[in-house]
Amino acid sequence: MKPVALHHASRLINHGPTVLVTSAHAGRRNVMAAAWSMPVELTPPRIAVVIDKSTFTRELVMASGAFALCIPGAALADLVYAVGSTSGRAGDKFARHGIAAGSGPVLGMPVLEQGCVGWLECRLIPERHTEEAYDTCFGEVVAAAADPRVFADGHWSFRGDNADLQTLHHLGAGLFARAAGTVQARAPL
C-alpha cells in the first residue's frame, strides 16, 4: 500500500464499493461489511457509512470516536460475506477468520491490507440525529492508502490482468459484481 493524498481519498469509495468497516476500543475490535458508503465532502475529505445501531461495530465506533473503511478486492468475496453475516459481539472475527490487521497511522484503527486495495482511517463526526434516525455515520478521513496496482495518482485502473484486485459491489444474498474495466468519455465540446 502507498499513501493516498487526502484530496484524492474520496475517490477510493466514490464508485460505491462494498467496504469492510473496522473498529476498536478498550482492547476489543471488530470488522463488518457495509454496502452503503460514499464521499460527502472533498476538502477536508469526509465520508458517510451506514452502520446499524444494533451492531457491535457501531458500539465500538461510538466509544472510540473512530473507524476505518477497508476496500476489499474481488478475491476476498467469501471473507466479505462471512464477516458481514455474523456478529463480532461473541468473539473476535479477526481471529476467527485469520484476518491480519495493521494499525492506522493516525488513530490506530485496524486497517486491512492483505487482499484489500485501499483503506481510509476516519475520525467520527458526531451527528446524533442521522446516527439515530438513519444509522448513517460521518467521518473525516485522516489517512488513506491504496494498492498502486489498481489505484495511483488519484485514479483507479481496472483491467483484465488485475481482476482479483477489482472492487466488490454487493448485489444481495452473497452475490457481488466486481469492477470490470473502464470507459473513457470524450471531452465535451
Protein backbone atom coordinates (compact mmCIF):
# COMPACT_ATOMS: atom_id res chain seq x y z
CA MET A 1 0.00 0.00 0.00
CA LYS A 2 1.08 3.52 -0.73
CA PRO A 3 -0.27 6.65 0.98
CA VAL A 4 -3.06 8.45 -0.88
CA ALA A 5 -3.13 12.25 -0.80
CA LEU A 6 -6.14 13.30 1.24
CA HIS A 7 -7.52 15.39 -1.64
CA HIS A 8 -7.85 12.09 -3.58
CA ALA A 9 -9.15 9.98 -0.68
CA SER A 10 -12.83 10.28 -1.63
CA ARG A 11 -12.07 8.65 -4.99
CA LEU A 12 -11.37 5.40 -3.15
CA ILE A 13 -15.11 4.97 -2.49
CA ASN A 14 -16.87 7.30 -4.94
CA HIS A 15 -17.75 4.35 -7.22
CA GLY A 16 -19.72 2.60 -4.46
CA PRO A 17 -17.66 -0.45 -3.49
CA THR A 18 -18.57 -2.73 -0.62
CA VAL A 19 -16.29 -1.86 2.29
CA LEU A 20 -15.14 -3.52 5.47
CA VAL A 21 -15.72 -1.26 8.45
CA THR A 22 -13.20 -1.83 11.23
CA SER A 23 -13.40 -0.52 14.75
CA ALA A 24 -11.59 -0.91 18.06
CA HIS A 25 -11.93 0.27 21.64
CA ALA A 26 -10.59 -0.84 25.03
CA GLY A 27 -8.83 -3.93 23.70
CA ARG A 28 -11.76 -5.16 21.57
CA ARG A 29 -12.04 -4.88 17.81
CA ASN A 30 -14.46 -5.79 15.06
CA VAL A 31 -14.90 -5.92 11.30
CA MET A 32 -18.16 -5.88 9.35
CA ALA A 33 -19.17 -5.47 5.71
CA ALA A 34 -21.10 -2.42 4.54
CA ALA A 35 -22.61 -1.88 1.12
CA TRP A 36 -23.54 1.77 1.70
CA SER A 37 -20.72 4.27 1.94
CA MET A 38 -19.91 7.40 -0.01
CA PRO A 39 -17.89 10.60 -0.01
CA VAL A 40 -19.79 13.68 1.15
CA GLU A 41 -17.11 16.38 1.04
CA LEU A 42 -13.77 16.70 -0.72
CA THR A 43 -11.84 19.20 1.41
CA PRO A 44 -11.44 18.12 4.09
CA PRO A 45 -12.36 14.62 2.91
CA ARG A 46 -15.47 13.40 4.68
CA ILE A 47 -17.43 10.22 4.15
CA ALA A 48 -20.72 8.65 5.21
CA VAL A 49 -21.31 4.98 6.00
CA VAL A 50 -24.39 3.16 7.22
CA ILE A 51 -23.69 1.16 10.41
CA ASP A 52 -26.79 -0.27 12.09
CA LYS A 53 -27.17 0.88 15.68
CA SER A 54 -27.57 -2.71 16.92
CA THR A 55 -24.12 -3.84 15.72
CA PHE A 56 -21.01 -4.38 17.78
CA THR A 57 -19.10 -2.26 15.24
CA ARG A 58 -21.38 0.71 15.95
CA GLU A 59 -20.82 0.27 19.70
CA LEU A 60 -17.05 0.39 19.23
CA VAL A 61 -17.22 3.34 16.82
CA MET A 62 -19.30 5.37 19.26
CA ALA A 63 -16.96 4.51 22.15
CA SER A 64 -13.71 5.25 20.28
CA GLY A 65 -14.84 8.07 18.02
CA ALA A 66 -13.06 6.46 15.08
CA PHE A 67 -13.27 3.73 12.41
CA ALA A 68 -11.65 2.64 9.18
CA LEU A 69 -13.09 1.67 5.81
CA CYS A 70 -11.08 -1.05 4.10
CA ILE A 71 -11.79 -1.77 0.45
CA PRO A 72 -11.60 -5.48 -0.37
CA GLY A 73 -10.56 -6.83 -3.73
CA ALA A 74 -12.68 -9.46 -5.50
CA ALA A 75 -10.51 -12.28 -4.14
CA LEU A 76 -11.98 -11.56 -0.67
CA ALA A 77 -15.64 -12.12 -1.63
CA ASP A 78 -16.01 -15.14 0.70
CA LEU A 79 -14.47 -13.26 3.63
CA VAL A 80 -16.60 -10.17 3.00
CA TYR A 81 -19.74 -12.30 3.03
CA ALA A 82 -18.63 -14.14 6.18
CA VAL A 83 -17.81 -11.05 8.26
CA GLY A 84 -20.97 -9.37 7.01
CA SER A 85 -23.14 -12.31 8.08
CA THR A 86 -22.04 -12.78 11.69
CA SER A 87 -21.69 -10.64 14.79
CA GLY A 88 -18.38 -9.93 16.49
CA ARG A 89 -20.03 -9.40 19.85
CA ALA A 90 -19.42 -13.05 20.88
CA GLY A 91 -15.83 -13.28 19.63
CA ASP A 92 -13.04 -11.68 17.63
CA LYS A 93 -13.82 -12.02 13.91
CA PHE A 94 -10.19 -11.18 13.09
CA ALA A 95 -9.05 -14.31 14.95
CA ARG A 96 -11.98 -16.45 13.74
CA HIS A 97 -11.24 -15.69 10.08
CA GLY A 98 -7.44 -15.34 10.27
CA ILE A 99 -7.51 -11.67 9.30
CA ALA A 100 -4.20 -9.82 9.66
CA ALA A 101 -4.60 -6.17 10.57
CA GLY A 102 -2.18 -3.30 10.91
CA SER A 103 -2.84 -0.09 12.78
CA GLY A 104 -3.87 3.11 11.08
CA PRO A 105 -1.13 5.76 11.30
CA VAL A 106 -3.24 8.49 12.93
CA LEU A 107 -5.95 6.90 15.08
CA GLY A 108 -4.68 3.33 15.38
CA MET A 109 -7.80 1.79 13.84
CA PRO A 110 -7.39 -1.71 12.38
CA VAL A 111 -6.53 -1.48 8.68
CA LEU A 112 -6.51 -4.47 6.34
CA GLU A 113 -4.04 -4.67 3.51
CA GLN A 114 -3.87 -8.35 2.55
CA GLY A 115 -6.46 -8.76 -0.19
CA CYS A 116 -7.64 -5.18 0.17
CA VAL A 117 -6.94 -2.46 -2.39
CA GLY A 118 -7.20 0.51 -0.09
CA TRP A 119 -8.28 1.90 3.25
CA LEU A 120 -9.39 5.16 4.84
CA GLU A 121 -8.86 5.89 8.53
CA CYS A 122 -11.63 8.16 9.84
CA ARG A 123 -12.42 10.28 12.86
CA LEU A 124 -16.14 10.13 13.69
CA ILE A 125 -18.02 13.39 13.16
CA PRO A 126 -20.84 13.19 15.71
CA GLU A 127 -24.20 13.75 14.05
CA ARG A 128 -26.58 12.20 16.59
CA HIS A 129 -29.75 12.77 14.60
CA THR A 130 -28.57 10.97 11.43
CA GLU A 131 -26.87 8.26 13.51
CA GLU A 132 -30.07 7.50 15.40
CA ALA A 133 -32.66 8.13 12.69
CA TYR A 134 -30.85 6.67 9.67
CA ASP A 135 -27.89 4.66 11.06
CA THR A 136 -25.64 6.93 9.00
CA CYS A 137 -22.27 7.81 10.50
CA PHE A 138 -19.99 10.53 9.17
CA GLY A 139 -16.23 10.56 9.34
CA GLU A 140 -13.36 12.83 8.43
CA VAL A 141 -10.64 10.94 6.58
CA VAL A 142 -7.34 11.48 8.40
CA ALA A 143 -5.22 8.96 6.47
CA ALA A 144 -5.63 6.80 3.36
CA ALA A 145 -3.64 4.28 1.37
CA ALA A 146 -4.13 2.17 -1.75
CA ASP A 147 -2.53 -0.60 -3.77
CA PRO A 148 -0.74 1.16 -6.65
CA ARG A 149 -1.50 -1.80 -8.96
CA VAL A 150 -5.12 -0.57 -9.11
CA PHE A 151 -5.12 2.98 -7.68
CA ALA A 152 -2.38 5.53 -8.41
CA ASP A 153 -2.22 9.29 -8.81
CA GLY A 154 -5.84 9.58 -7.69
CA HIS A 155 -7.24 7.19 -10.32
CA TRP A 156 -8.47 3.60 -10.47
CA SER A 157 -7.18 1.24 -13.15
CA PHE A 158 -9.37 -1.85 -13.57
CA ARG A 159 -8.04 -4.18 -16.26
CA GLY A 160 -8.30 -7.82 -17.24
CA ASP A 161 -4.96 -8.62 -15.59
CA ASN A 162 -5.99 -7.33 -12.14
CA ALA A 163 -9.42 -8.97 -11.69
CA ASP A 164 -8.67 -10.24 -8.15
CA LEU A 165 -7.91 -6.65 -7.09
CA GLN A 166 -11.07 -5.11 -8.53
CA THR A 167 -13.57 -3.80 -6.01
CA LEU A 168 -16.72 -5.64 -4.98
CA HIS A 169 -20.28 -4.32 -5.28
CA HIS A 170 -22.90 -6.19 -3.24
CA LEU A 171 -26.00 -7.29 -5.14
CA GLY A 172 -27.61 -9.22 -2.25
CA ALA A 173 -27.50 -12.69 -0.67
CA GLY A 174 -23.74 -13.08 -1.11
CA LEU A 175 -23.74 -12.15 -4.80
CA PHE A 176 -21.23 -9.49 -5.81
CA ALA A 177 -20.35 -7.71 -9.03
CA ARG A 178 -16.79 -6.54 -9.49
CA ALA A 179 -15.46 -3.50 -11.26
CA ALA A 180 -14.53 -4.89 -14.64
CA GLY A 181 -12.98 -2.15 -16.68
CA THR A 182 -13.48 1.46 -17.55
CA VAL A 183 -14.87 3.56 -20.38
CA GLN A 184 -13.30 6.91 -21.20
CA ALA A 185 -15.84 9.56 -22.16
CA ARG A 186 -15.00 12.12 -24.81
CA ALA A 187 -14.40 15.65 -23.57
CA PRO A 188 -17.41 17.92 -24.07
CA LEU A 189 -17.23 20.36 -26.97
